[in-house]
C-alpha atoms as a PDB file:
ATOM      1  CA  MET A   1     -25.690  62.740  -7.639  1.00  0.00           C
ATOM      2  CA  ALA A   2     -27.590  59.361  -7.139  1.00  0.00           C
ATOM      3  CA  GLY A   3     -26.248  57.820 -10.133  1.00  0.00           C
ATOM      4  CA  GLY A   4     -22.740  58.275  -9.653  1.00  0.00           C
ATOM      5  CA  THR A   5     -23.157  56.938  -6.078  1.00  0.00           C
ATOM      6  CA  ASP A   6     -24.602  54.141  -7.210  1.00  0.00           C
ATOM      7  CA  SER A   7     -21.451  53.269 -10.046  1.00  0.00           C
ATOM      8  CA  ARG A   8     -18.968  53.955  -7.100  1.00  0.00           C
ATOM      9  CA  ALA A   9     -20.760  51.486  -5.335  1.00  0.00           C
ATOM     10  CA  VAL A  10     -21.044  49.142  -7.947  1.00  0.00           C
ATOM     11  CA  ARG A  11     -17.290  48.982  -8.986  1.00  0.00           C
ATOM     12  CA  ARG A  12     -16.565  48.585  -5.161  1.00  0.00           C
ATOM     13  CA  ARG A  13     -18.576  45.357  -5.063  1.00  0.00           C
ATOM     14  CA  ARG A  14     -16.265  43.906  -8.362  1.00  0.00           C
ATOM     15  CA  ARG A  15     -13.402  45.067  -6.620  1.00  0.00           C
ATOM     16  CA  LEU A  16     -14.607  43.391  -3.754  1.00  0.00           C
ATOM     17  CA  ARG A  17     -15.732  40.402  -5.588  1.00  0.00           C
ATOM     18  CA  ARG A  18     -12.343  39.974  -7.677  1.00  0.00           C
ATOM     19  CA  LEU A  19     -10.063  40.328  -3.972  1.00  0.00           C
ATOM     20  CA  ALA A  20     -12.461  37.335  -3.131  1.00  0.00           C
ATOM     21  CA  ARG A  21     -11.364  35.209  -5.983  1.00  0.00           C
ATOM     22  CA  GLY A  22      -8.058  36.084  -5.419  1.00  0.00           C
ATOM     23  CA  ARG A  23      -8.001  35.124  -2.161  1.00  0.00           C
ATOM     24  CA  GLY A  24      -9.538  31.963  -2.802  1.00  0.00           C
ATOM     25  CA  GLY A  25      -7.448  30.880  -5.172  1.00  0.00           C
ATOM     26  CA  GLU A  26      -4.828  31.726  -2.838  1.00  0.00           C
ATOM     27  CA  SER A  27      -6.167  29.867  -0.397  1.00  0.00           C
ATOM     28  CA  LEU A  28      -6.478  26.903  -3.104  1.00  0.00           C
ATOM     29  CA  ILE A  29      -2.827  27.143  -3.930  1.00  0.00           C
ATOM     30  CA  TRP A  30      -1.514  27.000  -0.494  1.00  0.00           C
ATOM     31  CA  THR A  31      -3.639  24.027   0.604  1.00  0.00           C
ATOM     32  CA  VAL A  32      -2.777  22.213  -2.474  1.00  0.00           C
ATOM     33  CA  LEU A  33       0.845  23.232  -1.363  1.00  0.00           C
ATOM     34  CA  GLY A  34       0.408  21.743   2.367  1.00  0.00           C
ATOM     35  CA  ALA A  35      -0.827  18.805   1.194  1.00  0.00           C
ATOM     36  CA  VAL A  36       1.924  18.017  -0.784  1.00  0.00           C
ATOM     37  CA  ILE A  37       4.687  19.265   2.100  1.00  0.00           C
ATOM     38  CA  LEU A  38       2.922  16.586   4.265  1.00  0.00           C
ATOM     39  CA  ALA A  39       2.330  13.835   1.965  1.00  0.00           C
ATOM     40  CA  VAL A  40       6.094  14.218   1.232  1.00  0.00           C
ATOM     41  CA  ALA A  41       7.079  14.189   5.239  1.00  0.00           C
ATOM     42  CA  VAL A  42       5.029  11.317   5.887  1.00  0.00           C
ATOM     43  CA  ARG A  43       6.588   9.677   2.592  1.00  0.00           C
ATOM     44  CA  THR A  44       9.977  10.479   3.841  1.00  0.00           C
ATOM     45  CA  LEU A  45       9.909  10.033   7.770  1.00  0.00           C
ATOM     46  CA  LEU A  46       7.155   7.356   8.355  1.00  0.00           C
ATOM     47  CA  PHE A  47       5.362   5.360   6.072  1.00  0.00           C
ATOM     48  CA  GLN A  48       6.304   4.317   2.421  1.00  0.00           C
ATOM     49  CA  PRO A  49       3.681   1.906   0.120  1.00  0.00           C
ATOM     50  CA  PHE A  50       5.808  -0.660  -1.930  1.00  0.00           C
ATOM     51  CA  HIS A  51       4.157  -3.115  -4.167  1.00  0.00           C
ATOM     52  CA  ILE A  52       5.828  -6.420  -4.670  1.00  0.00           C
ATOM     53  CA  PRO A  53       6.433  -7.422  -8.791  1.00  0.00           C
ATOM     54  CA  THR A  54       7.882 -10.812  -7.926  1.00  0.00           C
ATOM     55  CA  GLU A  55       7.027 -14.188  -6.442  1.00  0.00           C
ATOM     56  CA  SER A  56      11.174 -13.933  -4.666  1.00  0.00           C
ATOM     57  CA  MET A  57       9.928 -13.126  -1.190  1.00  0.00           C
ATOM     58  CA  ARG A  58       7.339 -16.305  -1.260  1.00  0.00           C
ATOM     59  CA  PRO A  59       5.558 -17.711   0.537  1.00  0.00           C
ATOM     60  CA  THR A  60       5.806 -14.081   3.005  1.00  0.00           C
ATOM     61  CA  LEU A  61       4.710 -12.109   0.182  1.00  0.00           C
ATOM     62  CA  GLU A  62       3.240 -12.707  -2.723  1.00  0.00           C
ATOM     63  CA  ASP A  63       3.401 -11.056  -6.289  1.00  0.00           C
ATOM     64  CA  GLY A  64       0.758  -8.239  -6.110  1.00  0.00           C
ATOM     65  CA  ASP A  65       0.916  -7.526  -2.224  1.00  0.00           C
ATOM     66  CA  TYR A  66       1.205  -3.951  -1.338  1.00  0.00           C
ATOM     67  CA  VAL A  67       3.365  -3.850   1.504  1.00  0.00           C
ATOM     68  CA  ILE A  68       3.947  -0.670   4.198  1.00  0.00           C
ATOM     69  CA  ALA A  69       7.450   0.279   5.175  1.00  0.00           C
ATOM     70  CA  SER A  70       8.169   2.000   8.336  1.00  0.00           C
ATOM     71  CA  LYS A  71      11.047   4.907   7.686  1.00  0.00           C
ATOM     72  CA  TRP A  72      12.228   5.570  11.173  1.00  0.00           C
ATOM     73  CA  ALA A  73      12.777   1.645  12.206  1.00  0.00           C
ATOM     74  CA  TYR A  74      16.931   1.995  11.106  1.00  0.00           C
ATOM     75  CA  GLY A  75      17.339   6.234  10.945  1.00  0.00           C
ATOM     76  CA  TYR A  76      17.693   7.824   7.764  1.00  0.00           C
ATOM     77  CA  SER A  77      19.960   8.112   4.763  1.00  0.00           C
ATOM     78  CA  ARG A  78      20.099   9.867   1.616  1.00  0.00           C
ATOM     79  CA  TYR A  79      17.959   7.435   0.278  1.00  0.00           C
ATOM     80  CA  SER A  80      14.916   8.093   2.137  1.00  0.00           C
ATOM     81  CA  LEU A  81      14.298  11.468   0.461  1.00  0.00           C
ATOM     82  CA  PRO A  82      12.506  11.445  -3.007  1.00  0.00           C
ATOM     83  CA  PHE A  83      15.505  10.931  -5.971  1.00  0.00           C
ATOM     84  CA  ALA A  84      18.095  10.420  -3.693  1.00  0.00           C
ATOM     85  CA  PRO A  85      19.701  13.562  -3.664  1.00  0.00           C
ATOM     86  CA  ALA A  86      23.634  13.576  -2.458  1.00  0.00           C
ATOM     87  CA  VAL A  87      22.707  15.987   0.363  1.00  0.00           C
ATOM     88  CA  PHE A  88      24.742  13.664   3.359  1.00  0.00           C
ATOM     89  CA  GLU A  89      26.470  10.171   3.763  1.00  0.00           C
ATOM     90  CA  GLY A  90      25.648   7.383   5.898  1.00  0.00           C
ATOM     91  CA  ARG A  91      22.253   7.503   8.278  1.00  0.00           C
ATOM     92  CA  LEU A  92      21.370   9.908  10.672  1.00  0.00           C
ATOM     93  CA  PHE A  93      20.006   8.120  14.149  1.00  0.00           C
ATOM     94  CA  ALA A  94      21.115   4.858  12.866  1.00  0.00           C
ATOM     95  CA  ARG A  95      19.916   1.416  14.163  1.00  0.00           C
ATOM     96  CA  LEU A  96      21.393  -1.724  12.616  1.00  0.00           C
ATOM     97  CA  PRO A  97      18.338  -4.351  11.284  1.00  0.00           C
ATOM     98  CA  GLU A  98      17.453  -7.252  13.040  1.00  0.00           C
ATOM     99  CA  ARG A  99      18.083 -10.725  11.969  1.00  0.00           C
ATOM    100  CA  GLY A 100      15.193 -11.884   9.988  1.00  0.00           C
ATOM    101  CA  ASP A 101      13.615  -8.494   9.291  1.00  0.00           C
ATOM    102  CA  ILE A 102      12.332  -8.059   5.363  1.00  0.00           C
ATOM    103  CA  VAL A 103      14.104  -4.211   4.846  1.00  0.00           C
ATOM    104  CA  VAL A 104      13.185  -2.835   1.669  1.00  0.00           C
ATOM    105  CA  PHE A 105      16.846  -1.263   0.114  1.00  0.00           C
ATOM    106  CA  ARG A 106      17.850   0.401  -3.268  1.00  0.00           C
ATOM    107  CA  ALA A 107      19.799  -2.230  -5.302  1.00  0.00           C
ATOM    108  CA  PRO A 108      23.848  -0.884  -5.443  1.00  0.00           C
ATOM    109  CA  GLN A 109      23.935  -2.636  -8.743  1.00  0.00           C
ATOM    110  CA  THR A 110      21.440   0.107 -10.537  1.00  0.00           C
ATOM    111  CA  GLY A 111      21.260   2.954  -8.048  1.00  0.00           C
ATOM    112  CA  GLY A 112      17.253   3.065  -8.766  1.00  0.00           C
ATOM    113  CA  ASP A 113      15.723  -0.071  -8.486  1.00  0.00           C
ATOM    114  CA  THR A 114      13.857  -1.098  -5.163  1.00  0.00           C
ATOM    115  CA  TYR A 115      14.092  -4.911  -3.526  1.00  0.00           C
ATOM    116  CA  ILE A 116      12.808  -6.465  -0.743  1.00  0.00           C
ATOM    117  CA  LYS A 117      14.712  -9.018   0.937  1.00  0.00           C
ATOM    118  CA  ARG A 118      15.361 -10.485   4.419  1.00  0.00           C
ATOM    119  CA  VAL A 119      17.648  -9.865   6.507  1.00  0.00           C
ATOM    120  CA  ILE A 120      19.977 -13.055   7.260  1.00  0.00           C
ATOM    121  CA  GLY A 121      23.698 -11.403   8.300  1.00  0.00           C
ATOM    122  CA  LEU A 122      24.997  -8.518  10.630  1.00  0.00           C
ATOM    123  CA  PRO A 123      28.559  -6.457   9.727  1.00  0.00           C
ATOM    124  CA  GLY A 124      30.858  -9.105  11.074  1.00  0.00           C
ATOM    125  CA  ASP A 125      28.943 -12.434  10.913  1.00  0.00           C
ATOM    126  CA  LEU A 126      30.111 -15.232   8.677  1.00  0.00           C
ATOM    127  CA  VAL A 127      27.555 -16.078   6.380  1.00  0.00           C
ATOM    128  CA  GLU A 128      27.767 -19.733   4.169  1.00  0.00           C
ATOM    129  CA  LEU A 129      24.820 -21.952   2.489  1.00  0.00           C
ATOM    130  CA  ARG A 130      25.239 -25.140   2.219  1.00  0.00           C
ATOM    131  CA  ALA A 131      22.906 -27.429   0.411  1.00  0.00           C
ATOM    132  CA  GLY A 132      20.404 -24.814   0.655  1.00  0.00           C
ATOM    133  CA  VAL A 133      20.742 -24.687   4.347  1.00  0.00           C
ATOM    134  CA  VAL A 134      22.121 -21.075   5.769  1.00  0.00           C
ATOM    135  CA  TRP A 135      25.038 -21.293   8.324  1.00  0.00           C
ATOM    136  CA  LEU A 136      25.476 -18.527  10.360  1.00  0.00           C
ATOM    137  CA  ASN A 137      29.032 -18.238  12.292  1.00  0.00           C
ATOM    138  CA  GLY A 138      30.040 -21.699  12.284  1.00  0.00           C
ATOM    139  CA  GLU A 139      26.245 -23.077  12.819  1.00  0.00           C
ATOM    140  CA  PRO A 140      23.684 -23.944  10.148  1.00  0.00           C
ATOM    141  CA  LEU A 141      20.253 -22.064  11.055  1.00  0.00           C
ATOM    142  CA  PRO A 142      17.527 -24.606  12.603  1.00  0.00           C
ATOM    143  CA  ARG A 143      14.831 -25.638   9.877  1.00  0.00           C
ATOM    144  CA  GLY A 144      12.014 -27.768   9.326  1.00  0.00           C
ATOM    145  CA  LEU A 145       9.941 -29.563   6.494  1.00  0.00           C
ATOM    146  CA  ILE A 146       6.385 -28.080   7.449  1.00  0.00           C
ATOM    147  CA  GLY A 147       4.873 -29.014   4.090  1.00  0.00           C
ATOM    148  CA  ASP A 148       4.935 -29.007   0.500  1.00  0.00           C
ATOM    149  CA  GLU A 149       3.668 -26.884  -2.398  1.00  0.00           C
ATOM    150  CA  GLN A 150       3.006 -26.999  -6.305  1.00  0.00           C
ATOM    151  CA  ARG A 151       3.024 -24.323  -8.777  1.00  0.00           C
ATOM    152  CA  VAL A 152       2.757 -23.946 -13.120  1.00  0.00           C
ATOM    153  CA  THR A 153       4.703 -21.558 -14.696  1.00  0.00           C
ATOM    154  CA  GLN A 154       3.660 -19.359 -17.336  1.00  0.00           C
ATOM    155  CA  ASP A 155       5.124 -22.185 -19.757  1.00  0.00           C
ATOM    156  CA  ASP A 156       3.114 -24.935 -18.303  1.00  0.00           C
ATOM    157  CA  ARG A 157       5.952 -26.657 -15.964  1.00  0.00           C
ATOM    158  CA  LEU A 158       4.905 -28.178 -12.926  1.00  0.00           C
ATOM    159  CA  ILE A 159       7.387 -27.165 -10.033  1.00  0.00           C
ATOM    160  CA  ALA A 160       7.302 -28.781  -6.481  1.00  0.00           C
ATOM    161  CA  TYR A 161       8.505 -26.888  -3.607  1.00  0.00           C
ATOM    162  CA  GLY A 162       9.287 -27.748   0.222  1.00  0.00           C
ATOM    163  CA  VAL A 163       8.157 -25.642   2.794  1.00  0.00           C
ATOM    164  CA  TYR A 164      10.668 -25.014   5.859  1.00  0.00           C
ATOM    165  CA  GLU A 165      10.101 -22.643   8.704  1.00  0.00           C
ATOM    166  CA  GLU A 166      13.539 -21.986   9.546  1.00  0.00           C
ATOM    167  CA  LEU A 167      14.934 -20.139  12.529  1.00  0.00           C
ATOM    168  CA  HIS A 168      17.619 -18.083  13.951  1.00  0.00           C
ATOM    169  CA  PRO A 169      19.008 -17.429  16.886  1.00  0.00           C
ATOM    170  CA  GLY A 170      17.343 -14.385  18.293  1.00  0.00           C
ATOM    171  CA  GLY A 171      14.291 -16.566  17.945  1.00  0.00           C
ATOM    172  CA  ALA A 172      12.638 -14.803  14.407  1.00  0.00           C
ATOM    173  CA  GLY A 173      11.115 -17.386  12.788  1.00  0.00           C
ATOM    174  CA  TYR A 174       9.837 -17.592   8.984  1.00  0.00           C
ATOM    175  CA  ALA A 175       8.774 -19.651   6.103  1.00  0.00           C
ATOM    176  CA  VAL A 176      11.065 -20.293   3.106  1.00  0.00           C
ATOM    177  CA  LEU A 177      10.611 -22.131  -0.447  1.00  0.00           C
ATOM    178  CA  ASP A 178      12.934 -24.711  -1.702  1.00  0.00           C
ATOM    179  CA  ARG A 179      12.742 -26.992  -4.175  1.00  0.00           C
ATOM    180  CA  GLY A 180      15.768 -28.669  -4.116  1.00  0.00           C
ATOM    181  CA  SER A 181      19.738 -28.789  -5.463  1.00  0.00           C
ATOM    182  CA  GLY A 182      20.268 -25.279  -7.957  1.00  0.00           C
ATOM    183  CA  ASP A 183      23.285 -23.286  -8.426  1.00  0.00           C
ATOM    184  CA  LEU A 184      21.619 -20.736  -5.511  1.00  0.00           C
ATOM    185  CA  ASP A 185      22.150 -23.330  -3.136  1.00  0.00           C
ATOM    186  CA  ILE A 186      26.185 -23.242  -2.317  1.00  0.00           C
ATOM    187  CA  PHE A 187      27.851 -20.201  -0.847  1.00  0.00           C
ATOM    188  CA  ALA A 188      31.239 -20.080   0.022  1.00  0.00           C
ATOM    189  CA  ALA A 189      31.307 -18.597   3.652  1.00  0.00           C
ATOM    190  CA  ARG A 190      31.960 -14.919   3.767  1.00  0.00           C
ATOM    191  CA  GLN A 191      32.059 -12.492   6.354  1.00  0.00           C
ATOM    192  CA  VAL A 192      29.406  -9.391   6.467  1.00  0.00           C
ATOM    193  CA  PRO A 193      31.628  -6.201   5.312  1.00  0.00           C
ATOM    194  CA  ASP A 194      31.650  -3.709   8.052  1.00  0.00           C
ATOM    195  CA  GLY A 195      28.664  -1.113   7.086  1.00  0.00           C
ATOM    196  CA  HIS A 196      26.738  -4.228   5.100  1.00  0.00           C
ATOM    197  CA  VAL A 197      24.367  -6.714   5.021  1.00  0.00           C
ATOM    198  CA  PHE A 198      23.609 -10.066   4.144  1.00  0.00           C
ATOM    199  CA  VAL A 199      19.952 -10.699   2.241  1.00  0.00           C
ATOM    200  CA  LEU A 200      18.324 -13.521   1.189  1.00  0.00           C
ATOM    201  CA  GLY A 201      14.620 -13.994  -0.175  1.00  0.00           C
ATOM    202  CA  ASP A 202      11.931 -16.399   1.158  1.00  0.00           C
ATOM    203  CA  ASN A 203      12.194 -18.163  -2.230  1.00  0.00           C
ATOM    204  CA  ARG A 204      15.609 -19.604  -2.025  1.00  0.00           C
ATOM    205  CA  ASP A 205      15.490 -20.811  -5.348  1.00  0.00           C
ATOM    206  CA  GLU A 206      14.085 -18.002  -7.248  1.00  0.00           C
ATOM    207  CA  SER A 207      15.829 -14.837  -5.772  1.00  0.00           C
ATOM    208  CA  ARG A 208      18.603 -12.185  -6.714  1.00  0.00           C
ATOM    209  CA  ASP A 209      19.687 -10.992  -3.572  1.00  0.00           C
ATOM    210  CA  SER A 210      23.016 -11.015  -1.590  1.00  0.00           C
ATOM    211  CA  ARG A 211      24.169 -14.570  -2.772  1.00  0.00           C
ATOM    212  CA  VAL A 212      24.901 -12.919  -6.398  1.00  0.00           C
ATOM    213  CA  PRO A 213      27.380 -10.266  -6.301  1.00  0.00           C
ATOM    214  CA  PRO A 214      27.061  -6.911  -8.820  1.00  0.00           C
ATOM    215  CA  PRO A 215      26.278  -6.312 -11.878  1.00  0.00           C
ATOM    216  CA  VAL A 216      23.948  -8.691 -11.889  1.00  0.00           C
ATOM    217  CA  GLY A 217      22.951  -9.068  -8.686  1.00  0.00           C
ATOM    218  CA  PRO A 218      22.951  -6.994  -5.292  1.00  0.00           C
ATOM    219  CA  GLY A 219      25.406  -8.497  -3.245  1.00  0.00           C
ATOM    220  CA  PHE A 220      26.277  -7.285   0.035  1.00  0.00           C
ATOM    221  CA  ILE A 221      23.506  -4.266   0.682  1.00  0.00           C
ATOM    222  CA  PRO A 222      25.087  -1.080   2.099  1.00  0.00           C
ATOM    223  CA  LEU A 223      22.927  -0.009   5.151  1.00  0.00           C
ATOM    224  CA  GLU A 224      22.645   2.987   3.726  1.00  0.00           C
ATOM    225  CA  ASN A 225      20.697   1.686   0.807  1.00  0.00           C
ATOM    226  CA  ILE A 226      18.402   0.730   3.363  1.00  0.00           C
ATOM    227  CA  LEU A 227      14.996   2.450   3.282  1.00  0.00           C
ATOM    228  CA  GLY A 228      12.791   1.104   5.654  1.00  0.00           C
ATOM    229  CA  ARG A 229      11.481  -2.289   7.684  1.00  0.00           C
ATOM    230  CA  ALA A 230       8.204  -4.192   5.686  1.00  0.00           C
ATOM    231  CA  GLU A 231       5.564  -3.693   8.530  1.00  0.00           C
ATOM    232  CA  LEU A 232       2.555  -5.015   7.203  1.00  0.00           C
ATOM    233  CA  VAL A 233       0.618  -6.099   3.780  1.00  0.00           C
ATOM    234  CA  LEU A 234      -1.629  -3.224   3.035  1.00  0.00           C
ATOM    235  CA  ALA A 235      -3.722  -4.963   0.599  1.00  0.00           C
ATOM    236  CA  SER A 236      -2.851  -7.574  -1.767  1.00  0.00           C
ATOM    237  CA  ALA A 237      -4.346  -8.208  -5.893  1.00  0.00           C
ATOM    238  CA  GLY A 238      -4.095 -10.985  -8.055  1.00  0.00           C
ATOM    239  CA  PRO A 239      -2.560 -10.584 -11.859  1.00  0.00           C
ATOM    240  CA  GLN A 240      -4.758  -8.195 -14.092  1.00  0.00           C
ATOM    241  CA  PHE A 241      -6.372  -6.850 -11.462  1.00  0.00           C
ATOM    242  CA  ASP A 242      -7.245  -3.248 -12.198  1.00  0.00           C
ATOM    243  CA  ILE A 243      -9.221  -0.476  -9.658  1.00  0.00           C
ATOM    244  CA  TRP A 244     -10.434   0.901 -12.803  1.00  0.00           C
ATOM    245  CA  ARG A 245     -11.933  -2.100 -14.093  1.00  0.00           C
ATOM    246  CA  PRO A 246     -15.182  -3.384 -11.577  1.00  0.00           C
ATOM    247  CA  TRP A 247     -14.812  -6.869 -12.844  1.00  0.00           C
ATOM    248  CA  THR A 248     -11.813  -7.618 -12.273  1.00  0.00           C
ATOM    249  CA  TRP A 249     -11.874  -6.731  -8.530  1.00  0.00           C
ATOM    250  CA  TRP A 250     -12.529 -10.993  -7.365  1.00  0.00           C
ATOM    251  CA  ARG A 251      -8.704 -10.598  -7.878  1.00  0.00           C
ATOM    252  CA  LEU A 252      -8.315  -9.013  -4.584  1.00  0.00           C
ATOM    253  CA  ARG A 253      -7.053 -11.621  -1.992  1.00  0.00           C
ATOM    254  CA  PRO A 254      -8.722  -9.931   1.434  1.00  0.00           C
ATOM    255  CA  GLN A 255      -7.004 -12.545   3.438  1.00  0.00           C
ATOM    256  CA  ARG A 256      -3.690 -10.939   3.146  1.00  0.00           C
ATOM    257  CA  PHE A 257      -5.299  -7.581   3.931  1.00  0.00           C
ATOM    258  CA  TRP A 258      -3.531  -5.956   7.382  1.00  0.00           C
ATOM    259  CA  LEU A 259      -1.603  -9.311   7.363  1.00  0.00           C
ATOM    260  CA  SER A 260       1.524  -8.454  10.060  1.00  0.00           C
ATOM    261  CA  LEU A 261       5.310  -9.128   8.614  1.00  0.00           C
ATOM    262  CA  ASP A 262       6.712  -9.337  12.179  1.00  0.00           C
ATOM    263  CA  PRO A 263       8.849 -12.516  12.010  1.00  0.00           C
ATOM    264  CA  ASP A 264       8.448 -12.720  15.673  1.00  0.00           C
ATOM    265  CA  PRO A 265       5.099 -11.716  16.872  1.00  0.00           C
ATOM    266  CA  ALA A 266       5.280 -12.776  20.069  1.00  0.00           C
END
């Protein structure tokens, strides 16, 4: 009789252990699912990181910067969601960018590529470029030479840039590069269509922006395509950096970590 009791007790303990393992596995699944939902919510509603793969926004942004963009700055569109499902049109809680803001957007001509540029013109603005100088609503944006820079290209060509400070009527100021006369220095006066913005790269001669119409460039940017406003450089690394290869860590640029991108910090 005692042996039967012991046998039942052993079976009961085994059942309890199986139940505990099952509940532990179920708890893990719910924990992972909760973490995924939280990550998607943060990425959709609050912040999203972006990697800068080109030099089109130099000197403000360098190739290899990792930028954090605020997703709520201008409200939300379907492009705010992962995979941009066509669940609604326009923007919820819409707010216009300010001139001088750096925005991240989906390129209209591709639908999938992500660009980062600076807002120059808002809906209804008249935008023009003359000899590389931006004219906004019939007035040139003030700019002054503050330095110069030289860089050697991958094919060993030496390129000289002038570094200018450009100012918007609202007070936003930032540095831009201009290497002299080029095809992108002239843009005939055009009015920014309703529901769009006009954007430029800070590296004015090496940026595919609103001066370049589709299908080669993005042209005017629909407000719906804007993902968010670039707020800061979280981290930065030079070419050939690999986090899994410690001997490349010297390519990190700690002086650019947590660098604010506010064009008017005052």
